[in-house]
Amino acid sequence: MTVRELLARTSSRELTEWQVYEKVTGPLGPPRADIHTGIIAATIANANRGGKGREYTAQDFIPKWDKRPLTPEELFQKVAQANAALGGAVKRKEG
């Protein structure tokens, strides 16, 4: 779908939830996509490095995702950061 369709069908809250989910679990999509992309990026980088320096590997281009489970406090901080980045505010219940 297009970005316009996505924004028309998905709330800011749901987009924030998906963003946080991806930050916690790693990238969405096929599990080997990072490796495939790393191989392609390394091939292009090596073809253009002009023989200088060490050869790149796929691992040089694969993000290191934090697989340690987050504490509730860490998860709240990530949600708060994503919320603030999207212009949201925290509403606290009184009493």
C-alpha atoms as a PDB file:
ATOM      1  CA  MET A   1       0.000   0.000   0.000  1.00  0.00           C
ATOM      2  CA  THR A   2       1.106   3.580  -0.415  1.00  0.00           C
ATOM      3  CA  VAL A   3       2.178   5.799   2.482  1.00  0.00           C
ATOM      4  CA  ARG A   4      -1.035   7.789   2.110  1.00  0.00           C
ATOM      5  CA  GLU A   5      -3.124   4.609   2.379  1.00  0.00           C
ATOM      6  CA  LEU A   6      -1.109   3.450   5.381  1.00  0.00           C
ATOM      7  CA  LEU A   7      -1.638   6.739   7.210  1.00  0.00           C
ATOM      8  CA  ALA A   8      -5.352   6.737   6.381  1.00  0.00           C
ATOM      9  CA  ARG A   9      -5.818   3.185   7.727  1.00  0.00           C
ATOM     10  CA  THR A  10      -3.430   3.116  10.695  1.00  0.00           C
ATOM     11  CA  SER A  11      -3.481   5.277  13.806  1.00  0.00           C
ATOM     12  CA  SER A  12      -0.426   7.044  15.196  1.00  0.00           C
ATOM     13  CA  ARG A  13      -0.699   4.798  18.246  1.00  0.00           C
ATOM     14  CA  GLU A  14      -0.570   1.603  16.176  1.00  0.00           C
ATOM     15  CA  LEU A  15       2.383   2.871  14.128  1.00  0.00           C
ATOM     16  CA  THR A  16       4.206   3.674  17.372  1.00  0.00           C
ATOM     17  CA  GLU A  17       3.453   0.208  18.718  1.00  0.00           C
ATOM     18  CA  TRP A  18       4.897  -1.399  15.559  1.00  0.00           C
ATOM     19  CA  GLN A  19       7.948   0.844  15.725  1.00  0.00           C
ATOM     20  CA  VAL A  20       8.635  -0.156  19.327  1.00  0.00           C
ATOM     21  CA  TYR A  21       7.961  -3.836  18.542  1.00  0.00           C
ATOM     22  CA  GLU A  22      10.547  -3.737  15.756  1.00  0.00           C
ATOM     23  CA  LYS A  23      13.092  -2.047  18.020  1.00  0.00           C
ATOM     24  CA  VAL A  24      12.601  -4.758  20.626  1.00  0.00           C
ATOM     25  CA  THR A  25      12.508  -7.826  18.351  1.00  0.00           C
ATOM     26  CA  GLY A  26      14.612  -6.733  15.382  1.00  0.00           C
ATOM     27  CA  PRO A  27      13.537  -6.009  11.819  1.00  0.00           C
ATOM     28  CA  LEU A  28      10.209  -7.151  10.463  1.00  0.00           C
ATOM     29  CA  GLY A  29      10.231  -9.323   7.381  1.00  0.00           C
ATOM     30  CA  PRO A  30      11.972 -12.504   6.329  1.00  0.00           C
ATOM     31  CA  PRO A  31      14.562 -13.576   8.920  1.00  0.00           C
ATOM     32  CA  ARG A  32      17.376 -13.841   6.364  1.00  0.00           C
ATOM     33  CA  ALA A  33      16.748 -10.437   4.757  1.00  0.00           C
ATOM     34  CA  ASP A  34      19.516  -8.793   6.823  1.00  0.00           C
ATOM     35  CA  ILE A  35      22.007 -11.391   5.621  1.00  0.00           C
ATOM     36  CA  HIS A  36      20.955 -11.052   1.987  1.00  0.00           C
ATOM     37  CA  THR A  37      21.216  -7.278   2.188  1.00  0.00           C
ATOM     38  CA  GLY A  38      24.602  -7.534   3.925  1.00  0.00           C
ATOM     39  CA  ILE A  39      25.958  -9.741   1.146  1.00  0.00           C
ATOM     40  CA  ILE A  40      24.805  -7.300  -1.509  1.00  0.00           C
ATOM     41  CA  ALA A  41      26.177  -4.291   0.390  1.00  0.00           C
ATOM     42  CA  ALA A  42      29.550  -6.023   0.939  1.00  0.00           C
ATOM     43  CA  THR A  43      29.785  -6.945  -2.740  1.00  0.00           C
ATOM     44  CA  ILE A  44      29.115  -3.357  -3.827  1.00  0.00           C
ATOM     45  CA  ALA A  45      31.505  -1.921  -1.217  1.00  0.00           C
ATOM     46  CA  ASN A  46      34.282  -4.340  -2.214  1.00  0.00           C
ATOM     47  CA  ALA A  47      33.796  -3.618  -5.912  1.00  0.00           C
ATOM     48  CA  ASN A  48      34.236   0.093  -5.205  1.00  0.00           C
ATOM     49  CA  ARG A  49      36.990   0.109  -2.570  1.00  0.00           C
ATOM     50  CA  GLY A  50      39.759   0.194  -5.177  1.00  0.00           C
ATOM     51  CA  GLY A  51      41.822  -2.516  -3.487  1.00  0.00           C
ATOM     52  CA  LYS A  52      42.501  -0.322  -0.455  1.00  0.00           C
ATOM     53  CA  GLY A  53      42.012  -1.591   3.083  1.00  0.00           C
ATOM     54  CA  ARG A  54      40.451  -4.835   4.156  1.00  0.00           C
ATOM     55  CA  GLU A  55      37.637  -6.544   2.309  1.00  0.00           C
ATOM     56  CA  TYR A  56      34.164  -6.003   3.722  1.00  0.00           C
ATOM     57  CA  THR A  57      32.014  -8.905   4.879  1.00  0.00           C
ATOM     58  CA  ALA A  58      28.245  -9.197   5.093  1.00  0.00           C
ATOM     59  CA  GLN A  59      28.556  -8.859   8.892  1.00  0.00           C
ATOM     60  CA  ASP A  60      29.915  -5.323   8.436  1.00  0.00           C
ATOM     61  CA  PHE A  61      26.482  -4.278   7.154  1.00  0.00           C
ATOM     62  CA  ILE A  62      24.155  -6.268   9.414  1.00  0.00           C
ATOM     63  CA  PRO A  63      22.751  -4.345  12.411  1.00  0.00           C
ATOM     64  CA  LYS A  64      23.438  -5.801  15.834  1.00  0.00           C
ATOM     65  CA  TRP A  65      20.018  -6.252  17.422  1.00  0.00           C
ATOM     66  CA  ASP A  66      19.680  -6.397  21.186  1.00  0.00           C
ATOM     67  CA  LYS A  67      18.094  -9.798  21.826  1.00  0.00           C
ATOM     68  CA  ARG A  68      18.143  -9.469  25.623  1.00  0.00           C
ATOM     69  CA  PRO A  69      14.588  -9.162  26.933  1.00  0.00           C
ATOM     70  CA  LEU A  70      13.873  -5.620  28.045  1.00  0.00           C
ATOM     71  CA  THR A  71      12.815  -4.826  31.569  1.00  0.00           C
ATOM     72  CA  PRO A  72       9.413  -3.144  31.945  1.00  0.00           C
ATOM     73  CA  GLU A  73      11.222   0.135  32.702  1.00  0.00           C
ATOM     74  CA  GLU A  74      13.380  -0.125  29.553  1.00  0.00           C
ATOM     75  CA  LEU A  75      10.345  -0.954  27.441  1.00  0.00           C
ATOM     76  CA  PHE A  76       8.451   2.017  28.891  1.00  0.00           C
ATOM     77  CA  GLN A  77      11.413   4.298  28.066  1.00  0.00           C
ATOM     78  CA  LYS A  78      11.457   3.065  24.451  1.00  0.00           C
ATOM     79  CA  VAL A  79       7.712   3.621  24.129  1.00  0.00           C
ATOM     80  CA  ALA A  80       8.036   7.094  25.671  1.00  0.00           C
ATOM     81  CA  GLN A  81      10.863   7.991  23.261  1.00  0.00           C
ATOM     82  CA  ALA A  82       8.874   6.805  20.234  1.00  0.00           C
ATOM     83  CA  ASN A  83       5.787   8.623  21.520  1.00  0.00           C
ATOM     84  CA  ALA A  84       7.753  11.876  21.987  1.00  0.00           C
ATOM     85  CA  ALA A  85       9.377  11.536  18.548  1.00  0.00           C
ATOM     86  CA  LEU A  86       5.897  11.408  17.039  1.00  0.00           C
ATOM     87  CA  GLY A  87       4.756  14.468  18.992  1.00  0.00           C
ATOM     88  CA  GLY A  88       2.807  12.562  21.629  1.00  0.00           C
ATOM     89  CA  ALA A  89       2.444  13.438  25.283  1.00  0.00           C
ATOM     90  CA  VAL A  90       2.139  11.272  28.376  1.00  0.00           C
ATOM     91  CA  LYS A  91      -1.120  11.605  30.253  1.00  0.00           C
ATOM     92  CA  ARG A  92      -0.966  10.400  33.843  1.00  0.00           C
ATOM     93  CA  LYS A  93      -3.968   9.476  35.922  1.00  0.00           C
ATOM     94  CA  GLU A  94      -4.301  11.493  39.100  1.00  0.00           C
ATOM     95  CA  GLY A  95      -5.222   9.923  42.415  1.00  0.00           C
END
